[in-house]
PDB file of N, CA and C in Angstrom:
ATOM      1  N   MET A   1      49.834  51.977  31.811  1.00  0.00           N
ATOM      2  CA  MET A   1      50.490  52.355  31.227  1.00  0.00           C
ATOM      3  C   MET A   1      48.982  53.631  30.704  1.00  0.00           C
ATOM      4  N   PRO A   2      49.288  54.954  30.754  1.00  0.00           N
ATOM      5  CA  PRO A   2      48.008  55.176  30.598  1.00  0.00           C
ATOM      6  C   PRO A   2      48.287  55.828  28.887  1.00  0.00           C
ATOM      7  N   ILE A   3      47.331  56.582  27.818  1.00  0.00           N
ATOM      8  CA  ILE A   3      47.675  57.053  26.879  1.00  0.00           C
ATOM      9  C   ILE A   3      48.389  58.895  26.983  1.00  0.00           C
ATOM     10  N   THR A   4      48.964  58.712  25.950  1.00  0.00           N
ATOM     11  CA  THR A   4      49.619  59.718  26.074  1.00  0.00           C
ATOM     12  C   THR A   4      49.287  60.543  24.951  1.00  0.00           C
ATOM     13  N   LYS A   5      48.337  61.363  25.650  1.00  0.00           N
ATOM     14  CA  LYS A   5      47.242  62.641  24.674  1.00  0.00           C
ATOM     15  C   LYS A   5      47.745  63.327  23.616  1.00  0.00           C
ATOM     16  N   VAL A   6      47.756  63.214  22.621  1.00  0.00           N
ATOM     17  CA  VAL A   6      48.442  63.914  21.788  1.00  0.00           C
ATOM     18  C   VAL A   6      48.028  65.378  21.520  1.00  0.00           C
ATOM     19  N   LEU A   7      46.792  65.091  21.039  1.00  0.00           N
ATOM     20  CA  LEU A   7      45.334  66.771  20.789  1.00  0.00           C
ATOM     21  C   LEU A   7      44.236  66.099  21.586  1.00  0.00           C
ATOM     22  N   SER A   8      43.396  67.091  21.613  1.00  0.00           N
ATOM     23  CA  SER A   8      42.341  66.930  21.876  1.00  0.00           C
ATOM     24  C   SER A   8      41.533  68.398  21.523  1.00  0.00           C
ATOM     25  N   THR A   9      40.006  68.592  21.579  1.00  0.00           N
ATOM     26  CA  THR A   9      39.191  69.441  21.561  1.00  0.00           C
ATOM     27  C   THR A   9      39.445  70.750  23.048  1.00  0.00           C
ATOM     28  N   ASN A  10      40.092  70.191  23.705  1.00  0.00           N
ATOM     29  CA  ASN A  10      40.866  70.849  25.307  1.00  0.00           C
ATOM     30  C   ASN A  10      42.080  71.748  23.873  1.00  0.00           C
ATOM     31  N   ASP A  11      42.509  71.231  23.634  1.00  0.00           N
ATOM     32  CA  ASP A  11      43.817  72.254  22.698  1.00  0.00           C
ATOM     33  C   ASP A  11      43.096  72.370  21.564  1.00  0.00           C
ATOM     34  N   ASN A  12      42.250  73.328  21.751  1.00  0.00           N
ATOM     35  CA  ASN A  12      41.280  74.277  20.792  1.00  0.00           C
ATOM     36  C   ASN A  12      41.630  73.341  19.186  1.00  0.00           C
ATOM     37  N   LEU A  13      41.166  72.040  19.694  1.00  0.00           N
ATOM     38  CA  LEU A  13      40.805  71.216  17.873  1.00  0.00           C
ATOM     39  C   LEU A  13      39.778  71.373  17.863  1.00  0.00           C
ATOM     40  N   LYS A  14      39.523  72.014  16.453  1.00  0.00           N
ATOM     41  CA  LYS A  14      38.206  71.727  15.807  1.00  0.00           C
ATOM     42  C   LYS A  14      37.239  71.130  15.276  1.00  0.00           C
ATOM     43  N   ALA A  15      36.363  70.472  15.893  1.00  0.00           N
ATOM     44  CA  ALA A  15      35.953  68.303  15.128  1.00  0.00           C
ATOM     45  C   ALA A  15      35.486  69.128  14.302  1.00  0.00           C
ATOM     46  N   ILE A  16      35.518  68.472  13.177  1.00  0.00           N
ATOM     47  CA  ILE A  16      34.568  68.822  11.684  1.00  0.00           C
ATOM     48  C   ILE A  16      32.727  68.518  12.022  1.00  0.00           C
ATOM     49  N   ALA A  17      33.221  67.161  12.835  1.00  0.00           N
ATOM     50  CA  ALA A  17      31.261  67.229  13.400  1.00  0.00           C
ATOM     51  C   ALA A  17      31.213  68.537  14.361  1.00  0.00           C
ATOM     52  N   ILE A  18      29.989  69.445  14.469  1.00  0.00           N
ATOM     53  CA  ILE A  18      29.865  70.598  15.142  1.00  0.00           C
ATOM     54  C   ILE A  18      28.652  69.920  16.207  1.00  0.00           C
ATOM     55  N   GLY A  19      30.250  70.173  17.586  1.00  0.00           N
ATOM     56  CA  GLY A  19      29.661  69.792  18.971  1.00  0.00           C
ATOM     57  C   GLY A  19      30.591  68.957  19.351  1.00  0.00           C
ATOM     58  N   ALA A  20      31.022  68.085  18.510  1.00  0.00           N
ATOM     59  CA  ALA A  20      31.898  66.437  18.932  1.00  0.00           C
ATOM     60  C   ALA A  20      33.395  67.094  19.277  1.00  0.00           C
ATOM     61  N   GLU A  21      33.712  66.202  20.945  1.00  0.00           N
ATOM     62  CA  GLU A  21      35.427  66.021  21.207  1.00  0.00           C
ATOM     63  C   GLU A  21      35.872  65.293  20.346  1.00  0.00           C
ATOM     64  N   VAL A  22      37.036  65.600  20.029  1.00  0.00           N
ATOM     65  CA  VAL A  22      37.793  64.719  19.312  1.00  0.00           C
ATOM     66  C   VAL A  22      38.711  64.495  20.119  1.00  0.00           C
ATOM     67  N   GLY A  23      39.647  63.059  20.361  1.00  0.00           N
ATOM     68  CA  GLY A  23      40.593  63.039  20.747  1.00  0.00           C
ATOM     69  C   GLY A  23      42.013  61.972  20.702  1.00  0.00           C
ATOM     70  N   ILE A  24      43.523  62.000  20.191  1.00  0.00           N
ATOM     71  CA  ILE A  24      44.068  62.080  19.571  1.00  0.00           C
ATOM     72  C   ILE A  24      45.328  61.372  20.653  1.00  0.00           C
ATOM     73  N   GLY A  25      45.720  59.834  20.546  1.00  0.00           N
ATOM     74  CA  GLY A  25      46.891  59.572  21.308  1.00  0.00           C
ATOM     75  C   GLY A  25      47.796  58.279  21.355  1.00  0.00           C
ATOM     76  N   THR A  26      48.661  58.708  22.189  1.00  0.00           N
ATOM     77  CA  THR A  26      48.870  57.235  21.183  1.00  0.00           C
ATOM     78  C   THR A  26      49.644  56.337  22.890  1.00  0.00           C
ATOM     79  N   ILE A  27      49.578  54.667  22.958  1.00  0.00           N
ATOM     80  CA  ILE A  27      50.161  54.468  23.841  1.00  0.00           C
ATOM     81  C   ILE A  27      50.722  53.024  23.457  1.00  0.00           C
ATOM     82  N   VAL A  28      51.888  52.466  24.159  1.00  0.00           N
ATOM     83  CA  VAL A  28      53.273  51.936  23.878  1.00  0.00           C
ATOM     84  C   VAL A  28      52.453  50.347  24.655  1.00  0.00           C
ATOM     85  N   GLY A  29      52.519  49.508  24.328  1.00  0.00           N
ATOM     86  CA  GLY A  29      51.553  48.542  24.461  1.00  0.00           C
ATOM     87  C   GLY A  29      52.547  47.270  25.894  1.00  0.00           C
ATOM     88  N   PRO A  30      52.357  46.638  25.843  1.00  0.00           N
ATOM     89  CA  PRO A  30      52.994  46.050  27.003  1.00  0.00           C
ATOM     90  C   PRO A  30      53.703  45.202  27.426  1.00  0.00           C
ATOM     91  N   ALA A  31      54.340  45.115  28.038  1.00  0.00           N
ATOM     92  CA  ALA A  31      55.195  43.982  27.752  1.00  0.00           C
ATOM     93  C   ALA A  31      55.240  42.434  27.782  1.00  0.00           C
ATOM     94  N   SER A  32      53.950  42.106  28.561  1.00  0.00           N
ATOM     95  CA  SER A  32      53.399  40.841  28.501  1.00  0.00           C
ATOM     96  C   SER A  32      52.023  41.453  27.919  1.00  0.00           C
ATOM     97  N   TYR A  33      51.834  41.138  27.199  1.00  0.00           N
ATOM     98  CA  TYR A  33      49.685  40.861  26.643  1.00  0.00           C
ATOM     99  C   TYR A  33      48.896  40.276  27.465  1.00  0.00           C
ATOM    100  N   ALA A  34      48.025  40.557  28.030  1.00  0.00           N
ATOM    101  CA  ALA A  34      46.742  39.231  28.619  1.00  0.00           C
ATOM    102  C   ALA A  34      45.710  38.895  27.898  1.00  0.00           C
ATOM    103  N   THR A  35      45.808  38.346  28.270  1.00  0.00           N
ATOM    104  CA  THR A  35      44.107  37.404  27.479  1.00  0.00           C
ATOM    105  C   THR A  35      43.435  38.730  27.219  1.00  0.00           C
ATOM    106  N   GLY A  36      42.233  38.830  26.481  1.00  0.00           N
ATOM    107  CA  GLY A  36      41.166  40.181  26.597  1.00  0.00           C
ATOM    108  C   GLY A  36      41.380  41.410  26.664  1.00  0.00           C
ATOM    109  N   GLY A  37      42.697  41.449  26.166  1.00  0.00           N
ATOM    110  CA  GLY A  37      43.027  43.530  25.637  1.00  0.00           C
ATOM    111  C   GLY A  37      44.036  43.892  27.226  1.00  0.00           C
ATOM    112  N   PHE A  38      44.698  44.980  26.613  1.00  0.00           N
ATOM    113  CA  PHE A  38      45.562  45.525  28.214  1.00  0.00           C
ATOM    114  C   PHE A  38      44.643  47.037  28.375  1.00  0.00           C
ATOM    115  N   ALA A  39      44.386  47.437  29.702  1.00  0.00           N
ATOM    116  CA  ALA A  39      44.342  48.495  29.752  1.00  0.00           C
ATOM    117  C   ALA A  39      44.515  49.752  28.964  1.00  0.00           C
ATOM    118  N   ALA A  40      43.182  51.010  28.503  1.00  0.00           N
ATOM    119  CA  ALA A  40      43.469  51.669  27.743  1.00  0.00           C
ATOM    120  C   ALA A  40      41.946  52.741  28.351  1.00  0.00           C
ATOM    121  N   ASP A  41      42.687  53.449  29.106  1.00  0.00           N
ATOM    122  CA  ASP A  41      41.485  54.435  29.896  1.00  0.00           C
ATOM    123  C   ASP A  41      41.085  55.490  29.514  1.00  0.00           C
ATOM    124  N   VAL A  42      39.952  56.245  27.857  1.00  0.00           N
ATOM    125  CA  VAL A  42      40.361  56.645  26.686  1.00  0.00           C
ATOM    126  C   VAL A  42      39.783  58.055  27.231  1.00  0.00           C
ATOM    127  N   GLU A  43      38.497  57.500  27.810  1.00  0.00           N
ATOM    128  CA  GLU A  43      37.924  58.768  28.181  1.00  0.00           C
ATOM    129  C   GLU A  43      38.556  59.720  29.418  1.00  0.00           C
ATOM    130  N   THR A  44      40.161  58.691  30.113  1.00  0.00           N
ATOM    131  CA  THR A  44      40.234  59.762  31.167  1.00  0.00           C
ATOM    132  C   THR A  44      41.827  60.612  30.337  1.00  0.00           C
ATOM    133  N   ASP A  45      42.591  59.188  29.502  1.00  0.00           N
ATOM    134  CA  ASP A  45      43.633  59.838  29.703  1.00  0.00           C
ATOM    135  C   ASP A  45      43.418  60.546  28.679  1.00  0.00           C
ATOM    136  N   LEU A  46      42.252  60.885  27.234  1.00  0.00           N
ATOM    137  CA  LEU A  46      42.208  62.053  26.152  1.00  0.00           C
ATOM    138  C   LEU A  46      41.386  62.730  26.572  1.00  0.00           C
ATOM    139  N   GLU A  47      41.030  63.276  28.267  1.00  0.00           N
ATOM    140  CA  GLU A  47      40.051  64.522  28.838  1.00  0.00           C
ATOM    141  C   GLU A  47      38.380  64.384  27.851  1.00  0.00           C
ATOM    142  N   LEU A  48      37.432  63.633  27.481  1.00  0.00           N
ATOM    143  CA  LEU A  48      36.950  63.377  27.154  1.00  0.00           C
ATOM    144  C   LEU A  48      36.368  64.150  28.398  1.00  0.00           C
ATOM    145  N   GLY A  49      35.133  64.470  27.530  1.00  0.00           N
ATOM    146  CA  GLY A  49      33.284  64.462  28.781  1.00  0.00           C
ATOM    147  C   GLY A  49      32.594  63.670  29.587  1.00  0.00           C
ATOM    148  N   GLY A  50      33.083  62.696  28.798  1.00  0.00           N
ATOM    149  CA  GLY A  50      32.284  61.782  29.118  1.00  0.00           C
ATOM    150  C   GLY A  50      32.295  60.420  28.184  1.00  0.00           C
ATOM    151  N   PRO A  51      32.288  59.115  27.984  1.00  0.00           N
ATOM    152  CA  PRO A  51      32.696  58.132  28.084  1.00  0.00           C
ATOM    153  C   PRO A  51      32.257  58.551  26.299  1.00  0.00           C
ATOM    154  N   PRO A  52      33.212  57.945  25.174  1.00  0.00           N
ATOM    155  CA  PRO A  52      33.693  58.535  23.952  1.00  0.00           C
ATOM    156  C   PRO A  52      32.121  56.662  23.150  1.00  0.00           C
ATOM    157  N   ASP A  53      31.903  58.073  21.778  1.00  0.00           N
ATOM    158  CA  ASP A  53      30.988  57.115  21.038  1.00  0.00           C
ATOM    159  C   ASP A  53      31.446  56.104  20.328  1.00  0.00           C
ATOM    160  N   ALA A  54      32.754  56.608  19.718  1.00  0.00           N
ATOM    161  CA  ALA A  54      33.502  55.732  18.640  1.00  0.00           C
ATOM    162  C   ALA A  54      35.305  55.734  18.904  1.00  0.00           C
ATOM    163  N   VAL A  55      36.232  54.778  19.323  1.00  0.00           N
ATOM    164  CA  VAL A  55      36.893  54.986  19.416  1.00  0.00           C
ATOM    165  C   VAL A  55      37.585  53.856  18.330  1.00  0.00           C
ATOM    166  N   PHE A  56      38.848  53.915  17.777  1.00  0.00           N
ATOM    167  CA  PHE A  56      39.469  53.888  15.840  1.00  0.00           C
ATOM    168  C   PHE A  56      40.909  53.939  16.826  1.00  0.00           C
ATOM    169  N   VAL A  57      41.560  52.603  17.162  1.00  0.00           N
ATOM    170  CA  VAL A  57      42.332  51.927  17.423  1.00  0.00           C
ATOM    171  C   VAL A  57      43.421  51.465  15.712  1.00  0.00           C
ATOM    172  N   SER A  58      44.816  51.795  16.111  1.00  0.00           N
ATOM    173  CA  SER A  58      45.894  51.523  14.922  1.00  0.00           C
ATOM    174  C   SER A  58      47.305  51.019  15.030  1.00  0.00           C
ATOM    175  N   ALA A  59      48.027  50.077  14.862  1.00  0.00           N
ATOM    176  CA  ALA A  59      49.428  49.837  15.580  1.00  0.00           C
ATOM    177  C   ALA A  59      50.031  49.827  14.721  1.00  0.00           C
ATOM    178  N   SER A  60      51.289  50.192  15.064  1.00  0.00           N
ATOM    179  CA  SER A  60      52.854  50.116  14.423  1.00  0.00           C
ATOM    180  C   SER A  60      53.484  49.414  13.708  1.00  0.00           C
ATOM    181  N   ASN A  61      53.108  48.456  13.954  1.00  0.00           N
ATOM    182  CA  ASN A  61      53.139  47.045  13.349  1.00  0.00           C
ATOM    183  C   ASN A  61      52.048  46.850  12.460  1.00  0.00           C
ATOM    184  N   GLY A  62      51.433  47.435  12.199  1.00  0.00           N
ATOM    185  CA  GLY A  62      50.007  46.372  11.409  1.00  0.00           C
ATOM    186  C   GLY A  62      49.486  45.366  12.113  1.00  0.00           C
ATOM    187  N   MET A  63      49.166  45.006  13.056  1.00  0.00           N
ATOM    188  CA  MET A  63      48.453  44.214  13.737  1.00  0.00           C
ATOM    189  C   MET A  63      46.908  45.105  13.941  1.00  0.00           C
ATOM    190  N   THR A  64      45.638  44.205  13.707  1.00  0.00           N
ATOM    191  CA  THR A  64      44.234  44.221  14.074  1.00  0.00           C
ATOM    192  C   THR A  64      44.458  44.249  15.278  1.00  0.00           C
ATOM    193  N   CYS A  65      43.594  45.668  15.477  1.00  0.00           N
ATOM    194  CA  CYS A  65      43.135  46.050  17.593  1.00  0.00           C
ATOM    195  C   CYS A  65      41.930  46.883  16.959  1.00  0.00           C
ATOM    196  N   THR A  66      41.145  46.486  18.667  1.00  0.00           N
ATOM    197  CA  THR A  66      39.928  46.722  18.555  1.00  0.00           C
ATOM    198  C   THR A  66      39.861  47.712  19.538  1.00  0.00           C
ATOM    199  N   TRP A  67      39.254  48.189  20.198  1.00  0.00           N
ATOM    200  CA  TRP A  67      38.672  49.271  22.025  1.00  0.00           C
ATOM    201  C   TRP A  67      37.604  48.639  22.361  1.00  0.00           C
ATOM    202  N   VAL A  68      37.879  47.926  23.495  1.00  0.00           N
ATOM    203  CA  VAL A  68      36.296  47.213  24.720  1.00  0.00           C
ATOM    204  C   VAL A  68      36.116  48.442  24.973  1.00  0.00           C
ATOM    205  N   GLY A  69      35.181  49.049  24.821  1.00  0.00           N
ATOM    206  CA  GLY A  69      34.753  50.444  26.132  1.00  0.00           C
ATOM    207  C   GLY A  69      34.139  49.387  28.097  1.00  0.00           C
ATOM    208  N   GLY A  70      33.057  50.154  28.151  1.00  0.00           N
ATOM    209  CA  GLY A  70      32.376  50.721  28.772  1.00  0.00           C
ATOM    210  C   GLY A  70      33.031  49.953  30.184  1.00  0.00           C
ATOM    211  N   SER A  71      32.520  48.880  31.324  1.00  0.00           N
ATOM    212  CA  SER A  71      33.798  49.089  32.006  1.00  0.00           C
ATOM    213  C   SER A  71      35.109  48.290  32.021  1.00  0.00           C
ATOM    214  N   THR A  72      35.027  47.531  31.114  1.00  0.00           N
ATOM    215  CA  THR A  72      36.387  47.254  30.100  1.00  0.00           C
ATOM    216  C   THR A  72      38.042  47.932  30.038  1.00  0.00           C
ATOM    217  N   LYS A  73      37.536  48.722  29.018  1.00  0.00           N
ATOM    218  CA  LYS A  73      38.100  50.076  28.968  1.00  0.00           C
ATOM    219  C   LYS A  73      39.963  49.692  28.724  1.00  0.00           C
ATOM    220  N   LYS A  74      39.736  48.880  26.973  1.00  0.00           N
ATOM    221  CA  LYS A  74      41.076  47.610  26.930  1.00  0.00           C
ATOM    222  C   LYS A  74      41.179  47.767  25.328  1.00  0.00           C
ATOM    223  N   ILE A  75      42.674  47.595  24.563  1.00  0.00           N
ATOM    224  CA  ILE A  75      42.863  47.240  22.999  1.00  0.00           C
ATOM    225  C   ILE A  75      42.764  45.583  23.518  1.00  0.00           C
ATOM    226  N   LYS A  76      41.882  45.325  22.762  1.00  0.00           N
ATOM    227  CA  LYS A  76      42.331  43.360  22.522  1.00  0.00           C
ATOM    228  C   LYS A  76      43.055  44.173  21.062  1.00  0.00           C
ATOM    229  N   VAL A  77      44.319  43.201  20.909  1.00  0.00           N
ATOM    230  CA  VAL A  77      44.823  42.747  20.009  1.00  0.00           C
ATOM    231  C   VAL A  77      44.212  41.896  19.289  1.00  0.00           C
ATOM    232  N   PHE A  78      44.875  41.723  17.336  1.00  0.00           N
ATOM    233  CA  PHE A  78      44.371  40.177  17.248  1.00  0.00           C
ATOM    234  C   PHE A  78      45.709  40.152  15.903  1.00  0.00           C
ATOM    235  N   GLY A  79      46.089  38.315  16.049  1.00  0.00           N
ATOM    236  CA  GLY A  79      46.771  38.305  15.430  1.00  0.00           C
ATOM    237  C   GLY A  79      48.598  38.493  15.202  1.00  0.00           C
ATOM    238  N   SER A  80      49.463  37.932  14.578  1.00  0.00           N
ATOM    239  CA  SER A  80      50.507  38.147  15.012  1.00  0.00           C
ATOM    240  C   SER A  80      51.360  37.339  13.484  1.00  0.00           C
ATOM    241  N   LEU A  81      52.642  37.100  13.305  1.00  0.00           N
ATOM    242  CA  LEU A  81      53.539  36.752  12.763  1.00  0.00           C
ATOM    243  C   LEU A  81      53.193  34.749  12.518  1.00  0.00           C
ATOM    244  N   ALA A  82      53.032  34.577  13.540  1.00  0.00           N
ATOM    245  CA  ALA A  82      51.992  33.284  13.713  1.00  0.00           C
ATOM    246  C   ALA A  82      50.847  32.789  13.391  1.00  0.00           C
ATOM    247  N   SER A  83      50.266  34.154  13.437  1.00  0.00           N
ATOM    248  CA  SER A  83      48.691  33.571  13.210  1.00  0.00           C
ATOM    249  C   SER A  83      47.652  34.441  12.082  1.00  0.00           C
ATOM    250  N   ASP A  84      46.505  34.572  11.894  1.00  0.00           N
ATOM    251  CA  ASP A  84      45.817  35.669  10.796  1.00  0.00           C
ATOM    252  C   ASP A  84      45.063  36.236  11.911  1.00  0.00           C
ATOM    253  N   ALA A  85      44.539  37.714  11.445  1.00  0.00           N
ATOM    254  CA  ALA A  85      44.360  38.286  12.000  1.00  0.00           C
ATOM    255  C   ALA A  85      42.748  39.072  13.109  1.00  0.00           C
ATOM    256  N   THR A  86      41.975  37.841  12.963  1.00  0.00           N
ATOM    257  CA  THR A  86      41.411  36.864  12.902  1.00  0.00           C
ATOM    258  C   THR A  86      41.200  36.078  14.927  1.00  0.00           C
ATOM    259  N   THR A  87      42.481  36.253  14.772  1.00  0.00           N
ATOM    260  CA  THR A  87      42.829  34.820  16.574  1.00  0.00           C
ATOM    261  C   THR A  87      43.685  35.570  17.187  1.00  0.00           C
ATOM    262  N   GLU A  88      42.698  36.230  18.595  1.00  0.00           N
ATOM    263  CA  GLU A  88      43.435  37.281  19.548  1.00  0.00           C
ATOM    264  C   GLU A  88      44.896  36.989  19.688  1.00  0.00           C
ATOM    265  N   LEU A  89      45.933  37.351  19.538  1.00  0.00           N
ATOM    266  CA  LEU A  89      47.347  37.747  20.413  1.00  0.00           C
ATOM    267  C   LEU A  89      47.647  36.941  21.452  1.00  0.00           C
ATOM    268  N   THR A  90      48.570  35.691  21.356  1.00  0.00           N
ATOM    269  CA  THR A  90      48.454  34.489  22.553  1.00  0.00           C
ATOM    270  C   THR A  90      48.813  35.816  23.375  1.00  0.00           C
ATOM    271  N   ALA A  91      48.647  34.910  24.957  1.00  0.00           N
ATOM    272  CA  ALA A  91      48.663  35.851  25.696  1.00  0.00           C
ATOM    273  C   ALA A  91      49.969  36.134  26.427  1.00  0.00           C
ATOM    274  N   ALA A  92      50.501  36.815  26.887  1.00  0.00           N
ATOM    275  CA  ALA A  92      52.465  36.691  27.482  1.00  0.00           C
ATOM    276  C   ALA A  92      53.892  37.278  25.810  1.00  0.00           C
ATOM    277  N   GLU A  93      52.622  37.410  25.191  1.00  0.00           N
ATOM    278  CA  GLU A  93      53.580  37.864  23.745  1.00  0.00           C
ATOM    279  C   GLU A  93      53.766  39.652  24.217  1.00  0.00           C
ATOM    280  N   ASP A  94      55.422  40.032  23.353  1.00  0.00           N
ATOM    281  CA  ASP A  94      55.438  41.481  24.011  1.00  0.00           C
ATOM    282  C   ASP A  94      55.724  41.888  22.632  1.00  0.00           C
ATOM    283  N   LEU A  95      54.821  42.947  23.407  1.00  0.00           N
ATOM    284  CA  LEU A  95      54.165  44.344  22.758  1.00  0.00           C
ATOM    285  C   LEU A  95      54.923  45.943  22.889  1.00  0.00           C
ATOM    286  N   SER A  96      56.042  45.516  23.882  1.00  0.00           N
ATOM    287  CA  SER A  96      56.379  46.905  24.566  1.00  0.00           C
ATOM    288  C   SER A  96      57.509  47.921  22.642  1.00  0.00           C
ATOM    289  N   ALA A  97      57.479  47.115  21.916  1.00  0.00           N
ATOM    290  CA  ALA A  97      57.960  47.863  20.941  1.00  0.00           C
ATOM    291  C   ALA A  97      57.177  48.649  20.138  1.00  0.00           C
ATOM    292  N   VAL A  98      56.103  48.277  20.269  1.00  0.00           N
ATOM    293  CA  VAL A  98      54.193  48.779  19.413  1.00  0.00           C
ATOM    294  C   VAL A  98      53.654  49.927  19.948  1.00  0.00           C
ATOM    295  N   THR A  99      54.120  50.618  19.448  1.00  0.00           N
ATOM    296  CA  THR A  99      53.034  52.101  18.816  1.00  0.00           C
ATOM    297  C   THR A  99      51.692  51.803  18.738  1.00  0.00           C
ATOM    298  N   PHE A 100      49.956  51.793  19.664  1.00  0.00           N
ATOM    299  CA  PHE A 100      49.128  51.920  19.447  1.00  0.00           C
ATOM    300  C   PHE A 100      48.734  53.625  18.840  1.00  0.00           C
ATOM    301  N   THR A 101      48.257  53.589  18.355  1.00  0.00           N
ATOM    302  CA  THR A 101      47.507  55.047  17.942  1.00  0.00           C
ATOM    303  C   THR A 101      46.028  55.384  18.370  1.00  0.00           C
ATOM    304  N   VAL A 102      45.792  56.313  18.857  1.00  0.00           N
ATOM    305  CA  VAL A 102      44.161  55.673  19.457  1.00  0.00           C
ATOM    306  C   VAL A 102      43.554  57.174  18.963  1.00  0.00           C
ATOM    307  N   LEU A 103      42.598  57.030  18.233  1.00  0.00           N
ATOM    308  CA  LEU A 103      41.548  58.669  17.954  1.00  0.00           C
ATOM    309  C   LEU A 103      39.963  58.732  18.175  1.00  0.00           C
ATOM    310  N   ALA A 104      39.317  59.163  19.198  1.00  0.00           N
ATOM    311  CA  ALA A 104      38.391  58.958  20.334  1.00  0.00           C
ATOM    312  C   ALA A 104      37.172  59.934  19.818  1.00  0.00           C
ATOM    313  N   LEU A 105      35.727  59.691  19.329  1.00  0.00           N
ATOM    314  CA  LEU A 105      35.170  60.858  19.267  1.00  0.00           C
ATOM    315  C   LEU A 105      33.972  60.430  20.191  1.00  0.00           C
ATOM    316  N   ARG A 106      33.493  61.700  20.749  1.00  0.00           N
ATOM    317  CA  ARG A 106      32.494  61.919  21.161  1.00  0.00           C
ATOM    318  C   ARG A 106      31.218  63.174  20.730  1.00  0.00           C
ATOM    319  N   LYS A 107      30.168  62.702  20.802  1.00  0.00           N
ATOM    320  CA  LYS A 107      28.722  63.725  20.169  1.00  0.00           C
ATOM    321  C   LYS A 107      28.551  64.530  21.874  1.00  0.00           C
ATOM    322  N   ALA A 108      28.698  66.118  21.372  1.00  0.00           N
ATOM    323  CA  ALA A 108      28.176  66.906  22.445  1.00  0.00           C
ATOM    324  C   ALA A 108      27.208  66.680  22.939  1.00  0.00           C
ATOM    325  N   ALA A 109      26.621  66.630  24.842  1.00  0.00           N
ATOM    326  CA  ALA A 109      25.632  66.636  25.151  1.00  0.00           C
ATOM    327  C   ALA A 109      24.254  67.569  24.697  1.00  0.00           C
TER     328      ALA A 109
END
């Protein structure tokens, strides 16, 4: 499932840092989480002009999450009601009720 773009520099948003690109979007979690994370193509879905330099992800249910870039392009989720925030989520856990907000920053060339 692609990230739904909420706002980006293509929408006339002025970045705080001169010459930076900013993209903000949301993505609903999968019905069955896969170990290692679920697909999130930040660069394409948020219409950045290249790979992001920094990506911040938050989950609507408060779980800890991070974006894994490079060729992987996934959101990795940690913790659940049964474990702490340093343990990756168990495979097959249902995240379809969780919305992840993604903020991506890219330095202009």
